[in-house]
Amino acid sequence: MADLTKKSLTEIVSLIKKKEIKSEEVTNLFIKNIENDKKLNSLITNCNEHAAKKAKNFDKNPKFDTLLPGIPIAVKDLFCTKGVKTTAGSKMLDNFIPNYESTITKNLWNEGAFLLGKLNCDEYAMGSSNETSFFGNVMNPVAENTVPGGSSGGSASALAADLTPTTIGTDTGGSIRQPASFTGTVGLKPTYGLCSRWGIVAFASSLDQAGPMTKTVEDCALMLEAMAGFDEKDSTSINKKKENYSKNLTSNIKGLKIGIPKEYRVDGMPKEIDKLWENGKKILKESGAEIIDISLPNTKYALPTYYIVAPAEASSNLARYDGVKYGFRSNKGTNLIEMYENTRSEGFGDEVKRRILIGTYVLSSGYYDAYYIKAQKVRQLIKDDFDDSFKKVDAILTPSTPSAAFKIGEKKNDPISMYLNDIFTVPVNLAGIPAISIPAGTDNNNYPLGLQLIGKTLDEQKLLNIAFAAEKKINFKQNLNRWWEK
C-alpha cells in the first residue's frame, strides 16, 4: 500500500474501519516520520511512546463506532493535555504540566483519537510567522528557511510534512488560516463559541477560537464534527444541536450567491494573488454559484481595531503569570514586587511584552475611552457590514493572505509589516463568523497560496460545501521533496 502518511484522514479512518490496516501500523509510520525530521522544529513535546501504547491497546479492543478510531493526532501546544507538558511556546510555562484536559482534546480522545505530540507555536499565539516561540522558529516544509505562518505554524508544518494525519490550531486573528495558506493545507476558523475554549491557554478571550487543520475539506468536516459541541465550562459556548458536517458534505452549490468585497483589493498586492482570486471566482461560477460585488466599508479599520482589542485582552489574561502559583519564577530580587517584575521580564518574549504594554496602555485611565471603547464600537460596525452583506450573499470569497510564505527573519524586526499579514483574516475574528482557507495555487516560487471563504454565523455546513466544490475543481497537489529528512 502507498505511504499511509500521505493519505487523507478520511481515507485512514476508512481503512481502519474496514480492518485493512491497524492503528499500530499507521501510528508507527507517523512516529517514523517524526523521528526522521531533522530540521522543521515543529514539535515541542514528543509523545511517541504514549501513542504507540495507545495504538496497540486500540488494536486489542477496537471500537469502530467513533469518528476517529485509532487515529494519532499531534496538537498545538496551546491545548492543555493532562499529565503532558503544555508550554504555549513560552519560557513562562516551560515547566507546566496540567492536571486537566482541554475540552477540545477530550472530545477528540472520546472519538477514538490519541495524542501523538505537542506542536510548536508563536508564544501565547502572538505572531504571524512562528518566530516568537521560546523553542525556536519552525520551518515550512514547502521550502527551507521560509516561515510556516503563525501562530499555528508548528501545526501547519507538521501536517504538510506528514508528521500527523490531522491537527488542531487556534485562530485569534488568522492563526489557523494564514499558516494553512502558507503550507498548502486546509484551515477552518469556526463561528466563535462553536468549539469550546476551556483548557486552551488564553490570548484574547473574545477572539480566540479553536479549529481543525487538515489535508482536505472532507477531513475538515470530519474533524469539526469531532471537536464541536456545547461545553458548560465555557461561558461563551453556543448550545446547539451537533451537526453531521462530514455526512452532509456536498459539492452541489448551484444557485448560491458569493460576494466579492471591493475593499480586499489592497495597494501593492502581488499580481499572482489577484490572479488567484479571479480564478477562484471563475471556479465557483463554473460550479453554479452566482458572483456578486459587495462592499465592507469598515474593513480598513479592522487591523487597528484588532491591535487595540487583542492586546487589551492579552494584558488582562497574562496578568496571572506572576511566578507565584505555577510557571516560571525568577530567583532574582529581594522582595515580592521585584520577584514579579523579574519573573515577567525574564519569562515573556519581546512580542508578548510589546502586546502587554500596548494593552495596558489602551486600558489605562484617560485612554480607555479614546482607544478601547472606540475600538469596540468600530468592531460592531465591522460586524454590521458582514451582517448586511449576508442578507444578499451566502458566502464571501477573498484571498487568505496578501503574499505567499516569506523568509525566516524577513519581517521579524518590522512589527507593522508582520501585522499586515493578517489583513484579510482579522475582520472575521472581530465579527465572530466562520472562515476557511483552502490551497488554490502557487506563486512564482511554487509556494502555495490560499483562498478564503467567509460564511454566516453557524453556517459551517454551507461554507464547507462551497470549499468542497472549489477544492474538487482546483485539484491542488502538494509536491514536497522532503528536504528536512536529509
Protein backbone atom coordinates (compact mmCIF):
# COMPACT_ATOMS: atom_id res chain seq x y z
CA MET A 1 0.00 0.00 0.00
CA ALA A 2 1.20 3.53 -0.86
CA ASP A 3 2.62 5.54 2.04
CA LEU A 4 -0.25 5.74 4.52
CA THR A 5 1.01 9.00 6.00
CA LYS A 6 0.31 10.77 2.69
CA LYS A 7 -3.34 9.69 2.72
CA SER A 8 -6.13 11.90 3.95
CA LEU A 9 -7.59 11.44 7.43
CA THR A 10 -10.87 10.22 5.91
CA GLU A 11 -9.03 7.53 3.93
CA ILE A 12 -7.09 6.35 7.00
CA VAL A 13 -10.29 6.18 9.10
CA SER A 14 -11.99 4.18 6.34
CA LEU A 15 -9.08 1.71 6.10
CA ILE A 16 -9.05 1.19 9.88
CA LYS A 17 -12.83 0.67 9.98
CA LYS A 18 -12.62 -1.86 7.13
CA LYS A 19 -9.83 -3.64 9.11
CA GLU A 20 -7.47 -3.27 6.14
CA ILE A 21 -4.87 -1.59 8.36
CA LYS A 22 -4.25 -1.47 12.09
CA SER A 23 -3.85 1.63 14.24
CA GLU A 24 -0.40 0.43 15.33
CA GLU A 25 0.78 0.24 11.71
CA VAL A 26 -0.28 3.78 10.83
CA THR A 27 0.88 5.23 14.17
CA ASN A 28 4.35 3.73 13.77
CA LEU A 29 4.63 5.29 10.31
CA PHE A 30 3.86 8.75 11.70
CA ILE A 31 6.32 8.16 14.56
CA LYS A 32 8.97 7.20 11.98
CA ASN A 33 8.32 10.46 10.06
CA ILE A 34 8.68 12.43 13.32
CA GLU A 35 11.98 10.67 14.11
CA ASN A 36 13.28 11.32 10.57
CA ASP A 37 12.60 15.06 10.79
CA LYS A 38 15.91 16.85 11.35
CA LYS A 39 15.06 20.49 10.63
CA LEU A 40 11.41 21.55 10.87
CA ASN A 41 11.28 22.03 14.68
CA SER A 42 7.50 21.58 14.58
CA LEU A 43 7.23 19.57 17.82
CA ILE A 44 7.88 20.83 21.34
CA THR A 45 6.93 17.63 23.18
CA ASN A 46 7.22 14.19 21.65
CA CYS A 47 4.59 11.61 22.77
CA ASN A 48 5.76 8.69 20.59
CA GLU A 49 5.78 6.07 23.38
CA HIS A 50 2.35 7.11 24.61
CA ALA A 51 0.96 6.98 21.04
CA ALA A 52 2.49 3.54 20.30
CA LYS A 53 0.97 2.14 23.51
CA LYS A 54 -2.46 3.67 22.78
CA ALA A 55 -2.42 2.25 19.22
CA LYS A 56 -1.55 -1.24 20.49
CA ASN A 57 -4.35 -1.07 23.07
CA PHE A 58 -6.82 0.11 20.43
CA ASP A 59 -5.98 -2.84 18.15
CA LYS A 60 -6.53 -5.29 21.03
CA ASN A 61 -10.01 -3.92 21.65
CA PRO A 62 -11.06 -1.85 18.60
CA LYS A 63 -14.18 0.34 18.66
CA PHE A 64 -15.29 1.37 15.19
CA ASP A 65 -18.39 3.38 16.14
CA THR A 66 -16.39 6.60 16.69
CA LEU A 67 -15.35 9.33 14.24
CA LEU A 68 -11.57 8.94 14.73
CA PRO A 69 -10.92 5.28 15.62
CA GLY A 70 -7.25 4.66 16.45
CA ILE A 71 -6.05 7.95 14.94
CA PRO A 72 -2.85 9.55 16.36
CA ILE A 73 -3.05 13.36 16.44
CA ALA A 74 -0.40 15.95 17.33
CA VAL A 75 -1.96 19.17 18.68
CA LYS A 76 -0.91 22.81 19.07
CA ASP A 77 0.85 23.34 22.40
CA LEU A 78 -1.85 25.78 23.50
CA PHE A 79 -4.29 22.97 24.37
CA CYS A 80 -3.86 21.72 27.93
CA THR A 81 -3.24 17.98 27.99
CA LYS A 82 -3.48 16.14 31.31
CA GLY A 83 -0.09 14.92 32.50
CA VAL A 84 1.70 16.24 29.38
CA LYS A 85 3.72 19.46 29.38
CA THR A 86 1.82 22.44 27.90
CA THR A 87 4.03 25.45 27.19
CA ALA A 88 2.12 27.84 24.86
CA GLY A 89 5.55 28.31 23.24
CA SER A 90 6.75 30.30 26.26
CA LYS A 91 9.57 30.12 28.79
CA MET A 92 6.89 31.13 31.32
CA LEU A 93 5.22 27.69 31.02
CA ASP A 94 8.30 25.61 30.25
CA ASN A 95 7.67 23.50 33.38
CA PHE A 96 3.84 23.50 33.37
CA ILE A 97 2.13 20.08 33.41
CA PRO A 98 -1.68 20.46 33.63
CA ASN A 99 -3.73 18.11 35.79
CA TYR A 100 -6.73 18.55 33.47
CA GLU A 101 -7.60 18.08 29.78
CA SER A 102 -8.93 20.77 27.45
CA THR A 103 -12.49 20.14 26.28
CA ILE A 104 -11.45 20.02 22.61
CA THR A 105 -8.74 17.38 23.09
CA LYS A 106 -11.07 15.42 25.39
CA ASN A 107 -13.69 15.45 22.60
CA LEU A 108 -11.09 14.07 20.16
CA TRP A 109 -9.98 11.33 22.58
CA ASN A 110 -13.66 10.42 23.15
CA GLU A 111 -13.95 9.90 19.39
CA GLY A 112 -11.13 7.33 19.44
CA ALA A 113 -8.06 9.52 18.74
CA PHE A 114 -4.98 9.79 20.97
CA LEU A 115 -2.07 12.20 21.48
CA LEU A 116 0.97 11.98 19.20
CA GLY A 117 2.75 15.17 20.33
CA LYS A 118 2.52 18.87 21.20
CA LEU A 119 3.25 21.26 18.35
CA ASN A 120 5.33 24.43 18.35
CA CYS A 121 3.57 27.80 18.13
CA ASP A 122 4.23 31.52 18.49
CA GLU A 123 4.49 32.45 22.17
CA TYR A 124 0.95 32.64 23.61
CA ALA A 125 -0.24 32.53 19.97
CA MET A 126 1.14 36.04 19.39
CA GLY A 127 2.76 36.10 15.96
CA SER A 128 2.30 35.50 12.24
CA SER A 129 5.46 33.52 11.47
CA ASN A 130 6.19 31.14 14.38
CA GLU A 131 9.37 33.10 15.14
CA THR A 132 8.29 34.29 18.62
CA SER A 133 8.35 30.80 20.18
CA PHE A 134 10.75 30.29 23.11
CA PHE A 135 11.57 26.93 21.47
CA GLY A 136 12.81 28.47 18.22
CA ASN A 137 11.23 29.10 14.85
CA VAL A 138 9.51 26.38 12.83
CA MET A 139 10.37 25.85 9.16
CA ASN A 140 7.88 25.49 6.36
CA PRO A 141 8.21 22.09 4.60
CA VAL A 142 7.47 23.91 1.33
CA ALA A 143 10.97 25.45 1.25
CA GLU A 144 13.97 25.68 3.55
CA ASN A 145 14.31 28.90 5.56
CA THR A 146 10.72 30.02 4.94
CA VAL A 147 8.17 30.58 7.71
CA PRO A 148 5.13 28.30 8.04
CA GLY A 149 2.98 31.23 9.22
CA GLY A 150 1.64 31.69 12.70
CA SER A 151 0.64 31.31 15.33
CA SER A 152 -0.28 27.68 14.49
CA GLY A 153 2.94 27.28 12.49
CA GLY A 154 4.03 24.01 14.10
CA SER A 155 0.59 22.55 13.37
CA ALA A 156 0.66 23.58 9.70
CA SER A 157 4.28 22.44 9.24
CA ALA A 158 3.73 19.02 10.86
CA LEU A 159 0.56 18.46 8.84
CA ALA A 160 2.14 19.40 5.49
CA ALA A 161 5.21 17.22 6.26
CA ASP A 162 3.05 14.15 7.12
CA LEU A 163 4.11 14.11 10.79
CA THR A 164 0.42 13.96 11.82
CA PRO A 165 -2.66 12.97 9.78
CA THR A 166 -4.61 16.00 11.03
CA THR A 167 -4.23 18.61 13.73
CA ILE A 168 -5.90 21.43 15.61
CA GLY A 169 -4.94 25.06 15.99
CA THR A 170 -6.35 28.26 17.43
CA ASP A 171 -7.29 31.36 15.46
CA THR A 172 -7.38 34.79 17.13
CA GLY A 173 -6.68 36.93 14.05
CA GLY A 174 -5.86 34.38 11.35
CA SER A 175 -3.63 31.89 13.18
CA ILE A 176 -5.21 28.85 11.50
CA ARG A 177 -5.98 30.25 8.05
CA GLN A 178 -2.68 32.09 7.39
CA PRO A 179 -0.40 29.08 8.16
CA ALA A 180 -2.78 26.83 6.20
CA SER A 181 -2.37 29.16 3.22
CA PHE A 182 1.44 29.22 3.59
CA THR A 183 1.74 25.40 3.72
CA GLY A 184 -0.84 24.28 1.14
CA THR A 185 -3.24 22.83 3.71
CA VAL A 186 -6.86 23.46 4.76
CA GLY A 187 -7.65 25.52 7.87
CA LEU A 188 -11.04 26.41 9.34
CA LYS A 189 -11.86 29.05 11.93
CA PRO A 190 -15.35 28.13 13.19
CA THR A 191 -18.01 30.52 14.49
CA TYR A 192 -16.94 32.00 17.84
CA GLY A 193 -18.37 29.71 20.55
CA LEU A 194 -18.89 26.61 18.37
CA CYS A 195 -15.76 24.92 19.77
CA SER A 196 -15.05 25.22 23.50
CA ARG A 197 -12.20 27.44 24.71
CA TRP A 198 -11.99 25.67 28.08
CA GLY A 199 -8.47 24.40 28.75
CA ILE A 200 -6.87 26.46 25.95
CA VAL A 201 -4.19 28.90 27.13
CA ALA A 202 -5.88 32.28 26.65
CA PHE A 203 -4.62 35.10 24.44
CA ALA A 204 -7.67 37.31 23.67
CA SER A 205 -10.82 35.72 25.04
CA SER A 206 -13.39 37.41 22.78
CA LEU A 207 -11.42 36.45 19.65
CA ASP A 208 -9.76 33.04 20.33
CA GLN A 209 -11.36 30.08 18.58
CA ALA A 210 -10.12 26.51 18.10
CA GLY A 211 -10.44 24.86 14.71
CA PRO A 212 -9.25 21.97 12.53
CA MET A 213 -6.26 21.96 10.19
CA THR A 214 -6.35 19.17 7.61
CA LYS A 215 -5.22 17.99 4.18
CA THR A 216 -8.70 18.11 2.62
CA VAL A 217 -12.06 19.82 3.13
CA GLU A 218 -13.66 16.42 3.80
CA ASP A 219 -11.16 15.86 6.63
CA CYS A 220 -12.00 19.34 7.92
CA ALA A 221 -15.70 18.46 8.11
CA LEU A 222 -14.92 15.24 9.98
CA MET A 223 -12.66 17.00 12.48
CA LEU A 224 -15.14 19.81 13.12
CA GLU A 225 -17.79 17.17 13.82
CA ALA A 226 -15.48 15.60 16.43
CA MET A 227 -14.45 18.92 18.01
CA ALA A 228 -17.62 20.99 18.14
CA GLY A 229 -20.19 20.85 20.93
CA PHE A 230 -21.67 22.73 23.85
CA ASP A 231 -19.49 23.00 26.96
CA GLU A 232 -20.98 24.31 30.20
CA LYS A 233 -17.44 25.04 31.45
CA ASP A 234 -17.09 27.75 28.77
CA SER A 235 -19.45 30.70 29.31
CA THR A 236 -19.18 31.67 25.63
CA SER A 237 -20.00 28.18 24.30
CA ILE A 238 -23.03 28.01 21.98
CA ASN A 239 -25.69 25.49 22.98
CA LYS A 240 -26.81 24.00 19.69
CA LYS A 241 -27.53 20.56 18.29
CA LYS A 242 -24.45 18.74 16.97
CA GLU A 243 -24.25 18.56 13.18
CA ASN A 244 -23.01 15.79 10.90
CA TYR A 245 -20.78 18.01 8.78
CA SER A 246 -18.97 15.14 7.03
CA LYS A 247 -22.12 13.14 6.20
CA ASN A 248 -23.90 16.22 4.83
CA LEU A 249 -20.96 17.38 2.71
CA THR A 250 -21.90 18.07 -0.92
CA SER A 251 -20.29 19.82 -3.89
CA ASN A 252 -23.69 20.95 -5.21
CA ILE A 253 -23.61 24.74 -4.73
CA LYS A 254 -25.85 25.66 -7.67
CA GLY A 255 -27.68 28.93 -7.10
CA LEU A 256 -25.60 30.07 -4.12
CA LYS A 257 -24.51 33.71 -4.13
CA ILE A 258 -20.83 34.51 -3.48
CA GLY A 259 -19.83 38.06 -2.51
CA ILE A 260 -16.60 39.74 -3.66
CA PRO A 261 -15.69 42.67 -1.35
CA LYS A 262 -14.03 45.56 -3.19
CA GLU A 263 -12.14 46.61 0.00
CA TYR A 264 -9.98 43.46 -0.13
CA ARG A 265 -8.07 44.83 -3.12
CA VAL A 266 -5.13 46.34 -1.25
CA ASP A 267 -2.35 48.54 -2.64
CA GLY A 268 0.74 46.65 -3.72
CA MET A 269 -0.98 43.26 -3.68
CA PRO A 270 1.03 40.86 -5.89
CA LYS A 271 -0.47 40.12 -9.33
CA GLU A 272 -0.43 36.40 -8.53
CA ILE A 273 -2.83 36.94 -5.58
CA ASP A 274 -5.19 38.89 -7.83
CA LYS A 275 -4.97 36.16 -10.48
CA LEU A 276 -5.69 33.50 -7.85
CA TRP A 277 -8.77 35.43 -6.70
CA GLU A 278 -10.03 35.78 -10.29
CA ASN A 279 -9.55 32.06 -10.81
CA GLY A 280 -11.48 31.34 -7.60
CA LYS A 281 -14.40 33.42 -8.88
CA LYS A 282 -14.32 31.56 -12.21
CA ILE A 283 -14.30 28.15 -10.50
CA LEU A 284 -17.27 29.00 -8.26
CA LYS A 285 -19.16 30.38 -11.26
CA GLU A 286 -18.50 27.14 -13.17
CA SER A 287 -19.84 25.24 -10.15
CA GLY A 288 -23.16 27.05 -10.49
CA ALA A 289 -22.71 29.87 -7.99
CA GLU A 290 -23.54 33.50 -8.73
CA ILE A 291 -20.79 36.11 -8.19
CA ILE A 292 -21.93 39.42 -6.66
CA ASP A 293 -19.84 42.52 -5.91
CA ILE A 294 -20.27 43.73 -2.31
CA SER A 295 -18.82 46.36 -0.03
CA LEU A 296 -17.47 46.02 3.53
CA PRO A 297 -16.70 49.72 4.11
CA ASN A 298 -15.27 49.39 7.64
CA THR A 299 -12.74 46.69 6.67
CA LYS A 300 -9.99 49.33 6.56
CA TYR A 301 -10.35 49.81 10.33
CA ALA A 302 -10.12 46.08 11.14
CA LEU A 303 -6.36 45.87 11.74
CA PRO A 304 -6.07 48.91 14.05
CA THR A 305 -9.22 47.77 15.90
CA TYR A 306 -7.80 44.29 16.34
CA TYR A 307 -4.45 45.61 17.61
CA ILE A 308 -6.29 47.51 20.34
CA VAL A 309 -8.81 44.84 21.39
CA ALA A 310 -6.46 41.81 21.27
CA PRO A 311 -3.55 43.33 23.28
CA ALA A 312 -6.03 44.77 25.82
CA GLU A 313 -7.44 41.29 26.45
CA ALA A 314 -3.94 39.79 26.40
CA SER A 315 -2.67 42.19 29.06
CA SER A 316 -5.60 41.15 31.26
CA ASN A 317 -5.24 37.40 30.57
CA LEU A 318 -1.48 37.36 31.06
CA ALA A 319 -1.62 39.19 34.40
CA ARG A 320 -1.92 35.75 36.05
CA TYR A 321 1.70 34.86 35.18
CA ASP A 322 3.42 36.29 38.25
CA GLY A 323 5.63 33.40 39.37
CA VAL A 324 3.55 32.66 42.47
CA LYS A 325 1.38 29.58 41.85
CA TYR A 326 2.74 27.97 38.68
CA GLY A 327 5.06 28.52 35.75
CA PHE A 328 8.47 30.17 35.65
CA ARG A 329 9.69 32.15 38.68
CA SER A 330 12.78 34.35 38.67
CA ASN A 331 15.25 33.85 41.53
CA LYS A 332 16.33 37.49 41.32
CA GLY A 333 15.02 40.25 43.57
CA THR A 334 14.82 40.81 47.32
CA ASN A 335 11.06 41.29 47.74
CA LEU A 336 7.71 40.26 46.21
CA ILE A 337 7.43 43.22 43.79
CA GLU A 338 10.93 42.61 42.41
CA MET A 339 10.13 38.90 42.04
CA TYR A 340 7.02 39.82 39.99
CA GLU A 341 8.96 42.24 37.81
CA ASN A 342 11.87 39.89 37.16
CA THR A 343 9.62 36.90 36.52
CA ARG A 344 7.63 38.74 33.87
CA SER A 345 10.63 40.41 32.20
CA GLU A 346 12.57 37.12 32.04
CA GLY A 347 9.62 34.81 31.34
CA PHE A 348 7.97 36.66 28.42
CA GLY A 349 9.47 37.21 24.97
CA ASP A 350 9.65 40.57 23.17
CA GLU A 351 6.43 40.24 21.15
CA VAL A 352 4.39 39.25 24.21
CA LYS A 353 5.86 42.17 26.18
CA ARG A 354 5.06 44.51 23.28
CA ARG A 355 1.41 43.45 23.26
CA ILE A 356 1.08 43.59 27.05
CA LEU A 357 2.43 47.15 27.00
CA ILE A 358 0.02 48.21 24.22
CA GLY A 359 -2.88 46.50 26.01
CA THR A 360 -2.09 48.04 29.37
CA TYR A 361 -1.79 51.47 27.75
CA VAL A 362 -5.17 51.32 25.95
CA LEU A 363 -6.89 50.15 29.14
CA SER A 364 -5.30 52.80 31.34
CA SER A 365 -7.13 55.73 32.87
CA GLY A 366 -7.53 58.55 30.39
CA TYR A 367 -7.02 56.33 27.34
CA TYR A 368 -9.71 53.67 27.91
CA ASP A 369 -12.50 55.69 26.23
CA ALA A 370 -10.30 57.05 23.44
CA TYR A 371 -8.93 53.65 22.42
CA TYR A 372 -10.61 50.58 23.89
CA ILE A 373 -14.24 51.79 23.90
CA LYS A 374 -13.85 53.33 20.43
CA ALA A 375 -12.33 50.08 19.11
CA GLN A 376 -15.31 48.13 20.47
CA LYS A 377 -17.70 50.49 18.64
CA VAL A 378 -15.77 50.07 15.38
CA ARG A 379 -15.78 46.30 15.92
CA GLN A 380 -19.59 46.43 15.97
CA LEU A 381 -19.58 48.39 12.68
CA ILE A 382 -17.35 45.72 11.10
CA LYS A 383 -19.79 43.02 12.24
CA ASP A 384 -22.74 45.05 10.91
CA ASP A 385 -21.05 45.23 7.48
CA PHE A 386 -20.87 41.44 7.34
CA ASP A 387 -24.47 41.07 8.58
CA ASP A 388 -25.71 43.44 5.87
CA SER A 389 -23.76 41.58 3.16
CA PHE A 390 -25.10 38.22 4.26
CA LYS A 391 -28.64 39.45 3.53
CA LYS A 392 -27.55 39.39 -0.14
CA VAL A 393 -24.97 36.57 -0.34
CA ASP A 394 -24.39 33.09 1.10
CA ALA A 395 -20.61 33.42 1.44
CA ILE A 396 -17.73 35.78 0.66
CA LEU A 397 -14.59 34.95 -1.34
CA THR A 398 -11.25 36.68 -0.66
CA PRO A 399 -7.53 35.81 -0.73
CA SER A 400 -6.32 34.22 2.54
CA THR A 401 -3.10 36.25 2.74
CA PRO A 402 -1.51 39.20 0.89
CA SER A 403 1.51 37.04 -0.09
CA ALA A 404 2.99 33.54 -0.02
CA ALA A 405 5.34 32.37 2.75
CA PHE A 406 8.26 34.75 3.39
CA LYS A 407 11.81 34.09 4.54
CA ILE A 408 12.65 33.50 8.21
CA GLY A 409 13.84 36.80 9.70
CA GLU A 410 12.47 38.90 6.81
CA LYS A 411 9.82 40.71 8.88
CA LYS A 412 11.00 39.95 12.42
CA ASN A 413 12.22 43.48 13.15
CA ASP A 414 9.28 45.19 11.47
CA PRO A 415 6.15 44.55 13.59
CA ILE A 416 3.86 46.62 11.32
CA SER A 417 4.85 44.64 8.22
CA MET A 418 4.29 41.42 10.22
CA TYR A 419 0.86 42.58 11.45
CA LEU A 420 -0.20 43.41 7.86
CA ASN A 421 -0.02 39.68 7.13
CA ASP A 422 -3.36 39.34 8.91
CA ILE A 423 -5.14 41.99 6.87
CA PHE A 424 -7.55 39.53 5.17
CA THR A 425 -8.15 37.29 8.19
CA VAL A 426 -8.64 39.69 11.14
CA PRO A 427 -12.11 41.09 10.18
CA VAL A 428 -13.60 37.59 10.52
CA ASN A 429 -12.42 37.23 14.14
CA LEU A 430 -13.76 40.67 15.08
CA ALA A 431 -17.18 39.64 13.67
CA GLY A 432 -17.08 36.15 15.25
CA ILE A 433 -18.04 34.43 11.98
CA PRO A 434 -16.59 31.28 10.33
CA ALA A 435 -13.98 31.24 7.55
CA ILE A 436 -11.93 28.59 5.78
CA SER A 437 -8.67 28.75 3.81
CA ILE A 438 -8.10 26.22 1.03
CA PRO A 439 -4.98 25.79 -1.13
CA ALA A 440 -5.74 27.25 -4.55
CA GLY A 441 -2.49 27.68 -6.44
CA THR A 442 1.16 28.70 -6.22
CA ASP A 443 3.26 31.81 -6.70
CA ASN A 444 6.34 32.24 -8.97
CA ASN A 445 8.50 30.32 -6.46
CA ASN A 446 5.99 27.44 -6.40
CA TYR A 447 4.98 28.36 -2.83
CA PRO A 448 1.30 27.66 -2.01
CA LEU A 449 -1.37 30.37 -1.99
CA GLY A 450 -4.78 30.10 -0.33
CA LEU A 451 -8.29 31.36 -0.97
CA GLN A 452 -10.53 32.28 1.95
CA LEU A 453 -14.28 31.67 2.09
CA ILE A 454 -16.22 33.52 4.79
CA GLY A 455 -19.65 32.35 5.97
CA LYS A 456 -22.58 33.41 8.11
CA THR A 457 -22.68 32.69 11.84
CA LEU A 458 -23.11 28.93 12.45
CA ASP A 459 -23.32 28.26 8.70
CA GLU A 460 -20.27 25.96 8.68
CA GLN A 461 -22.03 23.32 6.59
CA LYS A 462 -22.64 25.67 3.65
CA LEU A 463 -19.09 27.04 3.98
CA LEU A 464 -17.63 23.53 3.88
CA ASN A 465 -19.81 22.63 0.88
CA ILE A 466 -18.60 25.67 -1.11
CA ALA A 467 -14.97 24.91 -0.16
CA PHE A 468 -15.50 21.24 -1.13
CA ALA A 469 -16.84 22.22 -4.57
CA ALA A 470 -13.94 24.64 -5.16
CA GLU A 471 -11.35 22.11 -3.93
CA LYS A 472 -12.57 19.50 -6.43
CA LYS A 473 -12.13 21.85 -9.38
CA ILE A 474 -8.83 23.38 -8.19
CA ASN A 475 -7.32 19.91 -7.61
CA PHE A 476 -4.26 21.33 -5.77
CA LYS A 477 -1.34 18.90 -5.49
CA GLN A 478 1.23 19.22 -2.72
CA ASN A 479 4.66 18.30 -4.10
CA LEU A 480 7.38 18.33 -1.44
CA ASN A 481 10.89 16.84 -1.75
CA ARG A 482 11.26 16.02 1.98
CA TRP A 483 14.49 18.06 2.33
CA TRP A 484 14.03 18.15 6.13
CA GLU A 485 14.89 14.42 6.34
CA LYS A 486 18.30 14.79 4.66
